[in-house]
Amino acid sequence: MRVLLIKTSSLGDVIHTLPALTDAARALPGIQFDWVVEEGFAEIPAWHPAVAQVIPVAIRRWRKNLFKTLCNGEWRRFKARLRETQYDLVIDAQGLLKSAWLTRYVKAPVAGFDHESAREPVATRFYARTFNVPREQHALERTRQLFAQALRYPPPDGIGDYGLDRHLLADPGTQPYLMFLHGTTWPSKHWPEADWRALAEDMAALGWAIRLPWGNESEKRRAERIVEGIPGAAVLPRLSLAGVAKVIAGATACVAVDTGLGHLAAALDVPTISLYGPTLPGRVGAYGRSQVHLCATGPGAGSGDRRAPCFDTLGAERVSTELQALLLNLPEGLA
């Protein structure tokens, strides 16, 4: 059976789709997926053994210059690639108008969330088969349930399996280190720089090496300020998503704000402490084993406000205590 999956973005959403592929591969041996995904995240689907082809799409870039996109042939080539393969089913796991629109170019039945379940109900007009998946649960579990209904196998029990091999990605034999995943999009999601610095000093004093990635110049400068003068703490060179994944996979543990890289750490089964301020982890938090969620409780916490700081009640001392406890309780061989 060949299925076309449409789940274009964001990084966390793409990662949250992986366990549904694992479920399907176990329930239906031999099933193969082609995956339409934003070009910036195209490395991720290829890591899963049930994915045969990755079909990059550039909706974010194309929207900025529609005329150029139409004239340079990129849109035409993308549509032609969708039509190259005969599919038994299309699953739109995004539930948005932009993802549903892409299904128009595939000659196969389209399955997706129903009117009550889709993030944008208008998307359901493009589906031949719709399924009700209650919203009041984690996004990852919603996707697992959608796949089970669309592909007609019993809903799986137990924690989802991302299907990634951490040890295959990680560099063997490196010095144990911690990863601080400090970069995020909303200003209000940023944990204060002074707290990152204090946490780095605490962990370095305990003998831990610390690594910080970055994705833009602002993040690089912040990372350099956090580690300045701290023995064993270093800023990584600029890396691709696959390169960052490799370093995360080799880490003993991570500390992350609400960011896509935190979800990647969870997918790689790396013990992680995730810090939540304006957002709550219930529906979109880091999902997996050895995942600790710490939530701010001050003004604005959990409000969804993109700008107002709200981490006053979640300082470095508490995070340091929780991180040390996490490290002490790691299974033998991971510490």
C-alpha atoms as a PDB file:
ATOM      1  CA  MET A   1       0.000   0.000   0.000  1.00  0.00           C
ATOM      2  CA  ARG A   2       1.326   3.435  -0.962  1.00  0.00           C
ATOM      3  CA  VAL A   3       0.111   6.503   0.942  1.00  0.00           C
ATOM      4  CA  LEU A   4       0.836  10.165   0.364  1.00  0.00           C
ATOM      5  CA  LEU A   5       1.130  12.057   3.646  1.00  0.00           C
ATOM      6  CA  ILE A   6       0.742  15.813   3.768  1.00  0.00           C
ATOM      7  CA  LYS A   7       2.163  17.428   6.884  1.00  0.00           C
ATOM      8  CA  THR A   8       4.193  20.427   5.845  1.00  0.00           C
ATOM      9  CA  SER A   9       5.133  22.287   9.035  1.00  0.00           C
ATOM     10  CA  SER A  10       6.096  23.306  11.694  1.00  0.00           C
ATOM     11  CA  LEU A  11       9.154  21.458  13.055  1.00  0.00           C
ATOM     12  CA  GLY A  12       7.268  20.257  16.127  1.00  0.00           C
ATOM     13  CA  ASP A  13       4.227  19.227  14.057  1.00  0.00           C
ATOM     14  CA  VAL A  14       6.407  17.241  11.657  1.00  0.00           C
ATOM     15  CA  ILE A  15       8.118  15.432  14.530  1.00  0.00           C
ATOM     16  CA  HIS A  16       4.771  14.693  16.189  1.00  0.00           C
ATOM     17  CA  THR A  17       3.692  12.813  13.047  1.00  0.00           C
ATOM     18  CA  LEU A  18       6.469  10.203  13.212  1.00  0.00           C
ATOM     19  CA  PRO A  19       4.847   7.841  15.756  1.00  0.00           C
ATOM     20  CA  ALA A  20       1.772   7.506  13.529  1.00  0.00           C
ATOM     21  CA  LEU A  21       4.049   6.152  10.787  1.00  0.00           C
ATOM     22  CA  THR A  22       5.505   3.632  13.225  1.00  0.00           C
ATOM     23  CA  ASP A  23       2.006   2.518  14.227  1.00  0.00           C
ATOM     24  CA  ALA A  24       0.969   2.092  10.590  1.00  0.00           C
ATOM     25  CA  ALA A  25       4.110   0.157   9.660  1.00  0.00           C
ATOM     26  CA  ARG A  26       3.516  -2.283  12.523  1.00  0.00           C
ATOM     27  CA  ALA A  27      -0.175  -2.730  11.750  1.00  0.00           C
ATOM     28  CA  LEU A  28       0.227  -2.957   7.972  1.00  0.00           C
ATOM     29  CA  PRO A  29       3.572  -4.566   7.055  1.00  0.00           C
ATOM     30  CA  GLY A  30       4.869  -3.325   3.722  1.00  0.00           C
ATOM     31  CA  ILE A  31       3.042   0.018   3.772  1.00  0.00           C
ATOM     32  CA  GLN A  32       5.072   2.897   2.339  1.00  0.00           C
ATOM     33  CA  PHE A  33       4.632   6.634   2.697  1.00  0.00           C
ATOM     34  CA  ASP A  34       5.677   9.552   0.542  1.00  0.00           C
ATOM     35  CA  TRP A  35       5.683  12.751   2.587  1.00  0.00           C
ATOM     36  CA  VAL A  36       5.013  16.309   1.415  1.00  0.00           C
ATOM     37  CA  VAL A  37       6.862  18.607   3.825  1.00  0.00           C
ATOM     38  CA  GLU A  38       8.251  22.148   3.903  1.00  0.00           C
ATOM     39  CA  GLU A  39      11.724  22.258   2.360  1.00  0.00           C
ATOM     40  CA  GLY A  40      13.315  23.419   5.626  1.00  0.00           C
ATOM     41  CA  PHE A  41      12.238  20.236   7.404  1.00  0.00           C
ATOM     42  CA  ALA A  42      12.790  17.780   4.537  1.00  0.00           C
ATOM     43  CA  GLU A  43      15.629  15.972   6.322  1.00  0.00           C
ATOM     44  CA  ILE A  44      13.373  14.654   9.082  1.00  0.00           C
ATOM     45  CA  PRO A  45      10.930  12.332   7.240  1.00  0.00           C
ATOM     46  CA  ALA A  46      13.831  10.521   5.571  1.00  0.00           C
ATOM     47  CA  TRP A  47      14.995   9.294   8.972  1.00  0.00           C
ATOM     48  CA  HIS A  48      11.894   7.108   9.350  1.00  0.00           C
ATOM     49  CA  PRO A  49      12.081   3.644   7.721  1.00  0.00           C
ATOM     50  CA  ALA A  50       8.437   3.740   6.514  1.00  0.00           C
ATOM     51  CA  VAL A  51       9.092   6.805   4.311  1.00  0.00           C
ATOM     52  CA  ALA A  52       9.966   5.978   0.704  1.00  0.00           C
ATOM     53  CA  GLN A  53      10.156   9.478  -0.769  1.00  0.00           C
ATOM     54  CA  VAL A  54      10.270  12.996   0.648  1.00  0.00           C
ATOM     55  CA  ILE A  55       8.586  15.623  -1.540  1.00  0.00           C
ATOM     56  CA  PRO A  56       9.673  19.115  -0.466  1.00  0.00           C
ATOM     57  CA  VAL A  57       7.242  21.999  -0.815  1.00  0.00           C
ATOM     58  CA  ALA A  58       8.083  25.676  -0.350  1.00  0.00           C
ATOM     59  CA  ILE A  59       4.777  27.297   0.572  1.00  0.00           C
ATOM     60  CA  ARG A  60       6.459  29.761   2.935  1.00  0.00           C
ATOM     61  CA  ARG A  61       8.929  30.925   0.309  1.00  0.00           C
ATOM     62  CA  TRP A  62       6.503  30.796  -2.622  1.00  0.00           C
ATOM     63  CA  ARG A  63       3.947  33.008  -0.875  1.00  0.00           C
ATOM     64  CA  LYS A  64       6.494  35.800  -0.695  1.00  0.00           C
ATOM     65  CA  ASN A  65       6.764  35.986  -4.485  1.00  0.00           C
ATOM     66  CA  LEU A  66       3.918  34.195  -6.258  1.00  0.00           C
ATOM     67  CA  PHE A  67       4.711  35.633  -9.680  1.00  0.00           C
ATOM     68  CA  LYS A  68       8.302  34.395  -9.592  1.00  0.00           C
ATOM     69  CA  THR A  69       7.161  30.969  -8.392  1.00  0.00           C
ATOM     70  CA  LEU A  70       4.728  30.607 -11.281  1.00  0.00           C
ATOM     71  CA  CYS A  71       7.240  31.826 -13.857  1.00  0.00           C
ATOM     72  CA  ASN A  72      10.298  29.835 -12.792  1.00  0.00           C
ATOM     73  CA  GLY A  73       8.487  26.507 -13.030  1.00  0.00           C
ATOM     74  CA  GLU A  74       8.851  25.435  -9.392  1.00  0.00           C
ATOM     75  CA  TRP A  75       5.094  25.111  -8.852  1.00  0.00           C
ATOM     76  CA  ARG A  76       4.666  23.197 -12.106  1.00  0.00           C
ATOM     77  CA  ARG A  77       7.449  20.767 -11.200  1.00  0.00           C
ATOM     78  CA  PHE A  78       5.992  20.221  -7.740  1.00  0.00           C
ATOM     79  CA  LYS A  79       2.560  19.357  -9.166  1.00  0.00           C
ATOM     80  CA  ALA A  80       4.139  17.015 -11.699  1.00  0.00           C
ATOM     81  CA  ARG A  81       5.984  15.178  -8.933  1.00  0.00           C
ATOM     82  CA  LEU A  82       2.741  14.639  -7.009  1.00  0.00           C
ATOM     83  CA  ARG A  83       1.286  12.989 -10.113  1.00  0.00           C
ATOM     84  CA  GLU A  84       4.256  10.669 -10.741  1.00  0.00           C
ATOM     85  CA  THR A  85       3.126   7.970  -8.315  1.00  0.00           C
ATOM     86  CA  GLN A  86      -0.172   6.117  -8.048  1.00  0.00           C
ATOM     87  CA  TYR A  87      -1.361   6.329  -4.453  1.00  0.00           C
ATOM     88  CA  ASP A  88      -3.959   4.255  -2.669  1.00  0.00           C
ATOM     89  CA  LEU A  89      -4.742   7.048  -0.216  1.00  0.00           C
ATOM     90  CA  VAL A  90      -3.795  10.605   0.703  1.00  0.00           C
ATOM     91  CA  ILE A  91      -3.774  11.618   4.381  1.00  0.00           C
ATOM     92  CA  ASP A  92      -3.834  15.327   5.172  1.00  0.00           C
ATOM     93  CA  ALA A  93      -2.615  15.331   8.763  1.00  0.00           C
ATOM     94  CA  GLN A  94      -2.350  19.127   8.860  1.00  0.00           C
ATOM     95  CA  GLY A  95      -6.029  20.014   8.652  1.00  0.00           C
ATOM     96  CA  LEU A  96      -5.429  23.436   7.103  1.00  0.00           C
ATOM     97  CA  LEU A  97      -6.632  24.982   3.869  1.00  0.00           C
ATOM     98  CA  LYS A  98      -3.046  25.264   2.572  1.00  0.00           C
ATOM     99  CA  SER A  99      -2.426  21.536   3.079  1.00  0.00           C
ATOM    100  CA  ALA A 100      -5.853  20.455   1.810  1.00  0.00           C
ATOM    101  CA  TRP A 101      -5.337  22.503  -1.371  1.00  0.00           C
ATOM    102  CA  LEU A 102      -2.310  20.367  -2.255  1.00  0.00           C
ATOM    103  CA  THR A 103      -4.469  17.240  -2.364  1.00  0.00           C
ATOM    104  CA  ARG A 104      -6.203  18.531  -5.512  1.00  0.00           C
ATOM    105  CA  TYR A 105      -3.251  17.363  -7.612  1.00  0.00           C
ATOM    106  CA  VAL A 106      -3.379  13.697  -6.563  1.00  0.00           C
ATOM    107  CA  LYS A 107      -5.773  11.133  -8.049  1.00  0.00           C
ATOM    108  CA  ALA A 108      -6.542   9.175  -4.897  1.00  0.00           C
ATOM    109  CA  PRO A 109      -9.092   9.345  -2.062  1.00  0.00           C
ATOM    110  CA  VAL A 110      -8.200  11.953   0.544  1.00  0.00           C
ATOM    111  CA  ALA A 111      -8.637  11.366   4.280  1.00  0.00           C
ATOM    112  CA  GLY A 112      -8.478  13.940   7.037  1.00  0.00           C
ATOM    113  CA  PHE A 113     -10.011  15.348  10.191  1.00  0.00           C
ATOM    114  CA  ASP A 114     -13.731  16.059  10.156  1.00  0.00           C
ATOM    115  CA  HIS A 115     -15.359  19.481  10.534  1.00  0.00           C
ATOM    116  CA  GLU A 116     -15.228  19.324  14.339  1.00  0.00           C
ATOM    117  CA  SER A 117     -11.618  18.132  14.467  1.00  0.00           C
ATOM    118  CA  ALA A 118      -9.752  20.088  11.757  1.00  0.00           C
ATOM    119  CA  ARG A 119      -7.839  23.209  12.699  1.00  0.00           C
ATOM    120  CA  GLU A 120      -9.470  24.966   9.729  1.00  0.00           C
ATOM    121  CA  PRO A 121     -12.868  23.332   9.071  1.00  0.00           C
ATOM    122  CA  VAL A 122     -12.959  24.625   5.472  1.00  0.00           C
ATOM    123  CA  ALA A 123     -10.189  22.110   4.690  1.00  0.00           C
ATOM    124  CA  THR A 124     -12.673  19.246   5.031  1.00  0.00           C
ATOM    125  CA  ARG A 125     -14.281  20.212   1.698  1.00  0.00           C
ATOM    126  CA  PHE A 126     -11.297  18.589  -0.017  1.00  0.00           C
ATOM    127  CA  TYR A 127     -11.630  15.232   1.794  1.00  0.00           C
ATOM    128  CA  ALA A 128     -13.487  12.142   0.632  1.00  0.00           C
ATOM    129  CA  ARG A 129     -13.219  10.539   4.072  1.00  0.00           C
ATOM    130  CA  THR A 130     -13.341  12.437   7.349  1.00  0.00           C
ATOM    131  CA  PHE A 131     -12.779  11.237  10.891  1.00  0.00           C
ATOM    132  CA  ASN A 132     -13.576  12.656  14.290  1.00  0.00           C
ATOM    133  CA  VAL A 133     -10.568  12.965  16.584  1.00  0.00           C
ATOM    134  CA  PRO A 134     -11.235  14.831  19.854  1.00  0.00           C
ATOM    135  CA  ARG A 135      -9.177  17.977  20.294  1.00  0.00           C
ATOM    136  CA  GLU A 136      -8.660  17.688  24.068  1.00  0.00           C
ATOM    137  CA  GLN A 137      -5.543  15.526  23.851  1.00  0.00           C
ATOM    138  CA  HIS A 138      -1.942  15.759  22.744  1.00  0.00           C
ATOM    139  CA  ALA A 139      -1.449  16.591  19.053  1.00  0.00           C
ATOM    140  CA  LEU A 140       0.743  13.518  18.608  1.00  0.00           C
ATOM    141  CA  GLU A 141      -2.010  11.235  19.868  1.00  0.00           C
ATOM    142  CA  ARG A 142      -4.551  12.951  17.600  1.00  0.00           C
ATOM    143  CA  THR A 143      -2.384  12.130  14.583  1.00  0.00           C
ATOM    144  CA  ARG A 144      -2.008   8.511  15.694  1.00  0.00           C
ATOM    145  CA  GLN A 145      -5.779   8.213  15.948  1.00  0.00           C
ATOM    146  CA  LEU A 146      -6.328   9.822  12.548  1.00  0.00           C
ATOM    147  CA  PHE A 147      -3.970   7.304  10.903  1.00  0.00           C
ATOM    148  CA  ALA A 148      -5.599   4.357  12.671  1.00  0.00           C
ATOM    149  CA  GLN A 149      -9.052   5.364  11.435  1.00  0.00           C
ATOM    150  CA  ALA A 150      -7.960   6.314   7.919  1.00  0.00           C
ATOM    151  CA  LEU A 151      -5.955   3.091   7.449  1.00  0.00           C
ATOM    152  CA  ARG A 152      -8.426   0.906   9.348  1.00  0.00           C
ATOM    153  CA  TYR A 153      -6.374  -0.681  12.089  1.00  0.00           C
ATOM    154  CA  PRO A 154      -7.120  -0.715  15.854  1.00  0.00           C
ATOM    155  CA  PRO A 155      -6.006   2.424  17.726  1.00  0.00           C
ATOM    156  CA  PRO A 156      -2.616   1.612  19.286  1.00  0.00           C
ATOM    157  CA  ASP A 157      -2.043   1.450  23.020  1.00  0.00           C
ATOM    158  CA  GLY A 158       0.986   2.702  24.875  1.00  0.00           C
ATOM    159  CA  ILE A 159       3.390   5.560  24.346  1.00  0.00           C
ATOM    160  CA  GLY A 160       4.132   6.509  20.747  1.00  0.00           C
ATOM    161  CA  ASP A 161       7.372   5.362  19.121  1.00  0.00           C
ATOM    162  CA  TYR A 162       9.025   7.916  16.835  1.00  0.00           C
ATOM    163  CA  GLY A 163      10.869   5.174  14.954  1.00  0.00           C
ATOM    164  CA  LEU A 164      14.240   6.952  15.114  1.00  0.00           C
ATOM    165  CA  ASP A 165      17.506   5.306  16.080  1.00  0.00           C
ATOM    166  CA  ARG A 166      19.319   7.668  18.455  1.00  0.00           C
ATOM    167  CA  HIS A 167      22.485   5.578  18.512  1.00  0.00           C
ATOM    168  CA  LEU A 168      22.689   5.518  14.726  1.00  0.00           C
ATOM    169  CA  LEU A 169      22.658   9.317  14.599  1.00  0.00           C
ATOM    170  CA  ALA A 170      24.966  10.068  17.533  1.00  0.00           C
ATOM    171  CA  ASP A 171      28.746  10.281  17.372  1.00  0.00           C
ATOM    172  CA  PRO A 172      30.161   7.368  19.395  1.00  0.00           C
ATOM    173  CA  GLY A 173      32.773   7.878  22.078  1.00  0.00           C
ATOM    174  CA  THR A 174      32.404  11.604  22.671  1.00  0.00           C
ATOM    175  CA  GLN A 175      32.806  13.225  26.092  1.00  0.00           C
ATOM    176  CA  PRO A 176      29.470  13.358  27.989  1.00  0.00           C
ATOM    177  CA  TYR A 177      27.783  16.730  27.554  1.00  0.00           C
ATOM    178  CA  LEU A 178      24.525  18.609  28.075  1.00  0.00           C
ATOM    179  CA  MET A 179      22.667  20.546  25.390  1.00  0.00           C
ATOM    180  CA  PHE A 180      21.021  23.893  26.119  1.00  0.00           C
ATOM    181  CA  LEU A 181      18.340  24.498  23.462  1.00  0.00           C
ATOM    182  CA  HIS A 182      17.830  28.201  24.070  1.00  0.00           C
ATOM    183  CA  GLY A 183      16.508  29.433  20.705  1.00  0.00           C
ATOM    184  CA  THR A 184      12.806  29.991  20.093  1.00  0.00           C
ATOM    185  CA  THR A 185      10.503  32.278  18.123  1.00  0.00           C
ATOM    186  CA  TRP A 186       8.200  34.121  20.516  1.00  0.00           C
ATOM    187  CA  PRO A 187       9.932  36.714  22.738  1.00  0.00           C
ATOM    188  CA  SER A 188       7.844  35.476  25.678  1.00  0.00           C
ATOM    189  CA  LYS A 189       9.134  31.895  25.275  1.00  0.00           C
ATOM    190  CA  HIS A 190      12.723  32.950  25.938  1.00  0.00           C
ATOM    191  CA  TRP A 191      14.026  31.903  29.337  1.00  0.00           C
ATOM    192  CA  PRO A 192      16.047  34.856  30.753  1.00  0.00           C
ATOM    193  CA  GLU A 193      19.655  34.901  29.633  1.00  0.00           C
ATOM    194  CA  ALA A 194      20.859  35.392  33.218  1.00  0.00           C
ATOM    195  CA  ASP A 195      19.144  32.130  34.194  1.00  0.00           C
ATOM    196  CA  TRP A 196      20.804  30.253  31.318  1.00  0.00           C
ATOM    197  CA  ARG A 197      24.124  31.657  32.476  1.00  0.00           C
ATOM    198  CA  ALA A 198      23.540  30.643  36.105  1.00  0.00           C
ATOM    199  CA  LEU A 199      22.486  27.140  35.046  1.00  0.00           C
ATOM    200  CA  ALA A 200      25.596  26.790  32.895  1.00  0.00           C
ATOM    201  CA  GLU A 201      27.791  27.810  35.816  1.00  0.00           C
ATOM    202  CA  ASP A 202      26.085  25.288  38.113  1.00  0.00           C
ATOM    203  CA  MET A 203      26.475  22.390  35.710  1.00  0.00           C
ATOM    204  CA  ALA A 204      30.056  23.291  34.751  1.00  0.00           C
ATOM    205  CA  ALA A 205      30.951  23.337  38.453  1.00  0.00           C
ATOM    206  CA  LEU A 206      29.695  19.741  38.600  1.00  0.00           C
ATOM    207  CA  GLY A 207      32.042  18.801  35.742  1.00  0.00           C
ATOM    208  CA  TRP A 208      29.569  18.794  32.847  1.00  0.00           C
ATOM    209  CA  ALA A 209      30.498  19.978  29.371  1.00  0.00           C
ATOM    210  CA  ILE A 210      27.783  22.134  27.784  1.00  0.00           C
ATOM    211  CA  ARG A 211      26.940  22.712  24.113  1.00  0.00           C
ATOM    212  CA  LEU A 212      24.698  25.432  22.657  1.00  0.00           C
ATOM    213  CA  PRO A 213      23.416  25.468  19.043  1.00  0.00           C
ATOM    214  CA  TRP A 214      22.157  28.538  17.197  1.00  0.00           C
ATOM    215  CA  GLY A 215      20.159  29.303  14.069  1.00  0.00           C
ATOM    216  CA  ASN A 216      20.693  33.017  13.508  1.00  0.00           C
ATOM    217  CA  GLU A 217      23.099  35.765  14.538  1.00  0.00           C
ATOM    218  CA  SER A 218      20.986  36.879  17.492  1.00  0.00           C
ATOM    219  CA  GLU A 219      20.949  33.338  18.896  1.00  0.00           C
ATOM    220  CA  LYS A 220      24.676  33.014  18.305  1.00  0.00           C
ATOM    221  CA  ARG A 221      25.437  36.187  20.250  1.00  0.00           C
ATOM    222  CA  ARG A 222      23.203  35.097  23.122  1.00  0.00           C
ATOM    223  CA  ALA A 223      24.877  31.672  23.211  1.00  0.00           C
ATOM    224  CA  GLU A 224      28.321  33.319  23.305  1.00  0.00           C
ATOM    225  CA  ARG A 225      27.281  35.516  26.238  1.00  0.00           C
ATOM    226  CA  ILE A 226      25.859  32.514  28.126  1.00  0.00           C
ATOM    227  CA  VAL A 227      29.070  30.455  27.898  1.00  0.00           C
ATOM    228  CA  GLU A 228      31.688  33.233  28.069  1.00  0.00           C
ATOM    229  CA  GLY A 229      34.454  32.235  30.466  1.00  0.00           C
ATOM    230  CA  ILE A 230      32.741  29.007  31.622  1.00  0.00           C
ATOM    231  CA  PRO A 231      35.093  25.975  31.430  1.00  0.00           C
ATOM    232  CA  GLY A 232      33.788  23.203  29.205  1.00  0.00           C
ATOM    233  CA  ALA A 233      30.946  25.281  27.771  1.00  0.00           C
ATOM    234  CA  ALA A 234      31.011  25.985  24.040  1.00  0.00           C
ATOM    235  CA  VAL A 235      28.932  27.374  21.209  1.00  0.00           C
ATOM    236  CA  LEU A 236      28.564  24.964  18.293  1.00  0.00           C
ATOM    237  CA  PRO A 237      29.370  25.992  14.719  1.00  0.00           C
ATOM    238  CA  ARG A 238      26.440  26.665  12.419  1.00  0.00           C
ATOM    239  CA  LEU A 239      24.856  23.299  11.606  1.00  0.00           C
ATOM    240  CA  SER A 240      22.131  21.930   9.388  1.00  0.00           C
ATOM    241  CA  LEU A 241      19.077  20.410  11.024  1.00  0.00           C
ATOM    242  CA  ALA A 242      20.636  16.978  10.560  1.00  0.00           C
ATOM    243  CA  GLY A 243      23.845  18.247  12.144  1.00  0.00           C
ATOM    244  CA  VAL A 244      22.007  19.599  15.191  1.00  0.00           C
ATOM    245  CA  ALA A 245      20.097  16.312  15.464  1.00  0.00           C
ATOM    246  CA  LYS A 246      23.407  14.450  15.575  1.00  0.00           C
ATOM    247  CA  VAL A 247      24.662  16.553  18.478  1.00  0.00           C
ATOM    248  CA  ILE A 248      21.342  16.290  20.331  1.00  0.00           C
ATOM    249  CA  ALA A 249      21.377  12.496  19.862  1.00  0.00           C
ATOM    250  CA  GLY A 250      24.788  12.325  21.529  1.00  0.00           C
ATOM    251  CA  ALA A 251      23.840  14.451  24.546  1.00  0.00           C
ATOM    252  CA  THR A 252      23.330  12.957  27.982  1.00  0.00           C
ATOM    253  CA  ALA A 253      20.431  15.346  28.554  1.00  0.00           C
ATOM    254  CA  CYS A 254      18.974  18.619  27.281  1.00  0.00           C
ATOM    255  CA  VAL A 255      17.352  21.721  28.689  1.00  0.00           C
ATOM    256  CA  ALA A 256      14.976  23.369  26.215  1.00  0.00           C
ATOM    257  CA  VAL A 257      12.507  26.177  25.953  1.00  0.00           C
ATOM    258  CA  ASP A 258       9.311  25.583  23.954  1.00  0.00           C
ATOM    259  CA  THR A 259      11.034  25.003  20.618  1.00  0.00           C
ATOM    260  CA  GLY A 260      11.088  22.522  17.768  1.00  0.00           C
ATOM    261  CA  LEU A 261      14.525  21.297  18.819  1.00  0.00           C
ATOM    262  CA  GLY A 262      13.052  20.302  22.178  1.00  0.00           C
ATOM    263  CA  HIS A 263      10.583  18.082  20.330  1.00  0.00           C
ATOM    264  CA  LEU A 264      13.488  16.654  18.346  1.00  0.00           C
ATOM    265  CA  ALA A 265      15.280  15.779  21.597  1.00  0.00           C
ATOM    266  CA  ALA A 266      12.151  13.962  22.780  1.00  0.00           C
ATOM    267  CA  ALA A 267      11.890  12.110  19.464  1.00  0.00           C
ATOM    268  CA  LEU A 268      15.480  10.950  19.866  1.00  0.00           C
ATOM    269  CA  ASP A 269      14.688   9.701  23.379  1.00  0.00           C
ATOM    270  CA  VAL A 270      17.110  12.156  24.992  1.00  0.00           C
ATOM    271  CA  PRO A 271      16.144  13.014  28.602  1.00  0.00           C
ATOM    272  CA  THR A 272      15.039  16.651  28.528  1.00  0.00           C
ATOM    273  CA  ILE A 273      13.761  19.354  30.827  1.00  0.00           C
ATOM    274  CA  SER A 274      11.419  21.635  28.877  1.00  0.00           C
ATOM    275  CA  LEU A 275      10.530  25.111  30.134  1.00  0.00           C
ATOM    276  CA  TYR A 276       7.052  26.500  29.473  1.00  0.00           C
ATOM    277  CA  GLY A 277       6.034  30.104  30.047  1.00  0.00           C
ATOM    278  CA  PRO A 278       3.295  31.502  27.814  1.00  0.00           C
ATOM    279  CA  THR A 279       2.377  28.034  26.527  1.00  0.00           C
ATOM    280  CA  LEU A 280       1.209  24.897  28.293  1.00  0.00           C
ATOM    281  CA  PRO A 281       2.547  21.388  27.522  1.00  0.00           C
ATOM    282  CA  GLY A 282      -0.754  19.490  27.648  1.00  0.00           C
ATOM    283  CA  ARG A 283      -1.514  19.410  23.910  1.00  0.00           C
ATOM    284  CA  VAL A 284       1.813  20.222  22.269  1.00  0.00           C
ATOM    285  CA  GLY A 285       4.495  19.599  24.895  1.00  0.00           C
ATOM    286  CA  ALA A 286       7.622  17.483  24.459  1.00  0.00           C
ATOM    287  CA  TYR A 287       6.344  13.889  24.318  1.00  0.00           C
ATOM    288  CA  GLY A 288       8.256  10.793  25.284  1.00  0.00           C
ATOM    289  CA  ARG A 289      10.193   9.002  27.967  1.00  0.00           C
ATOM    290  CA  SER A 290      12.299  10.960  30.488  1.00  0.00           C
ATOM    291  CA  GLN A 291      10.618  14.243  29.553  1.00  0.00           C
ATOM    292  CA  VAL A 292      10.184  16.740  32.392  1.00  0.00           C
ATOM    293  CA  HIS A 293       7.904  19.751  31.937  1.00  0.00           C
ATOM    294  CA  LEU A 294       8.485  22.801  34.155  1.00  0.00           C
ATOM    295  CA  CYS A 295       5.857  25.529  33.906  1.00  0.00           C
ATOM    296  CA  ALA A 296       6.091  29.137  35.017  1.00  0.00           C
ATOM    297  CA  THR A 297       3.335  30.317  37.328  1.00  0.00           C
ATOM    298  CA  GLY A 298       3.768  34.085  37.283  1.00  0.00           C
ATOM    299  CA  PRO A 299       1.659  36.748  35.531  1.00  0.00           C
ATOM    300  CA  GLY A 300       1.091  35.833  31.879  1.00  0.00           C
ATOM    301  CA  ALA A 301       2.028  32.179  32.334  1.00  0.00           C
ATOM    302  CA  GLY A 302      -0.036  29.977  30.027  1.00  0.00           C
ATOM    303  CA  SER A 303      -1.744  33.014  28.491  1.00  0.00           C
ATOM    304  CA  GLY A 304      -0.503  32.538  24.931  1.00  0.00           C
ATOM    305  CA  ASP A 305       0.847  36.094  24.905  1.00  0.00           C
ATOM    306  CA  ARG A 306       3.709  36.180  22.406  1.00  0.00           C
ATOM    307  CA  ARG A 307       5.562  39.127  23.942  1.00  0.00           C
ATOM    308  CA  ALA A 308       5.053  39.542  27.696  1.00  0.00           C
ATOM    309  CA  PRO A 309       7.807  37.911  29.835  1.00  0.00           C
ATOM    310  CA  CYS A 310       6.418  35.382  32.317  1.00  0.00           C
ATOM    311  CA  PHE A 311       9.343  33.347  33.693  1.00  0.00           C
ATOM    312  CA  ASP A 312       9.745  35.246  36.979  1.00  0.00           C
ATOM    313  CA  THR A 313       8.792  32.188  39.037  1.00  0.00           C
ATOM    314  CA  LEU A 314      10.923  29.651  37.156  1.00  0.00           C
ATOM    315  CA  GLY A 315      14.538  30.473  37.941  1.00  0.00           C
ATOM    316  CA  ALA A 316      17.876  28.766  37.451  1.00  0.00           C
ATOM    317  CA  GLU A 317      17.951  27.264  40.963  1.00  0.00           C
ATOM    318  CA  ARG A 318      14.841  25.178  40.398  1.00  0.00           C
ATOM    319  CA  VAL A 319      15.890  24.090  36.906  1.00  0.00           C
ATOM    320  CA  SER A 320      19.339  23.139  38.190  1.00  0.00           C
ATOM    321  CA  THR A 321      17.798  21.023  40.957  1.00  0.00           C
ATOM    322  CA  GLU A 322      15.470  19.259  38.506  1.00  0.00           C
ATOM    323  CA  LEU A 323      18.268  18.671  35.999  1.00  0.00           C
ATOM    324  CA  GLN A 324      20.544  17.153  38.616  1.00  0.00           C
ATOM    325  CA  ALA A 325      17.721  14.856  39.738  1.00  0.00           C
ATOM    326  CA  LEU A 326      17.087  13.825  36.133  1.00  0.00           C
ATOM    327  CA  LEU A 327      20.760  12.996  35.625  1.00  0.00           C
ATOM    328  CA  LEU A 328      20.933  10.984  38.854  1.00  0.00           C
ATOM    329  CA  ASN A 329      17.969   8.865  37.784  1.00  0.00           C
ATOM    330  CA  LEU A 330      19.117   8.047  34.258  1.00  0.00           C
ATOM    331  CA  PRO A 331      19.196   4.356  33.350  1.00  0.00           C
ATOM    332  CA  GLU A 332      22.598   2.703  33.681  1.00  0.00           C
ATOM    333  CA  GLY A 333      24.705   3.395  30.600  1.00  0.00           C
ATOM    334  CA  LEU A 334      23.109   6.756  29.853  1.00  0.00           C
ATOM    335  CA  ALA A 335      24.483   8.755  32.755  1.00  0.00           C
END
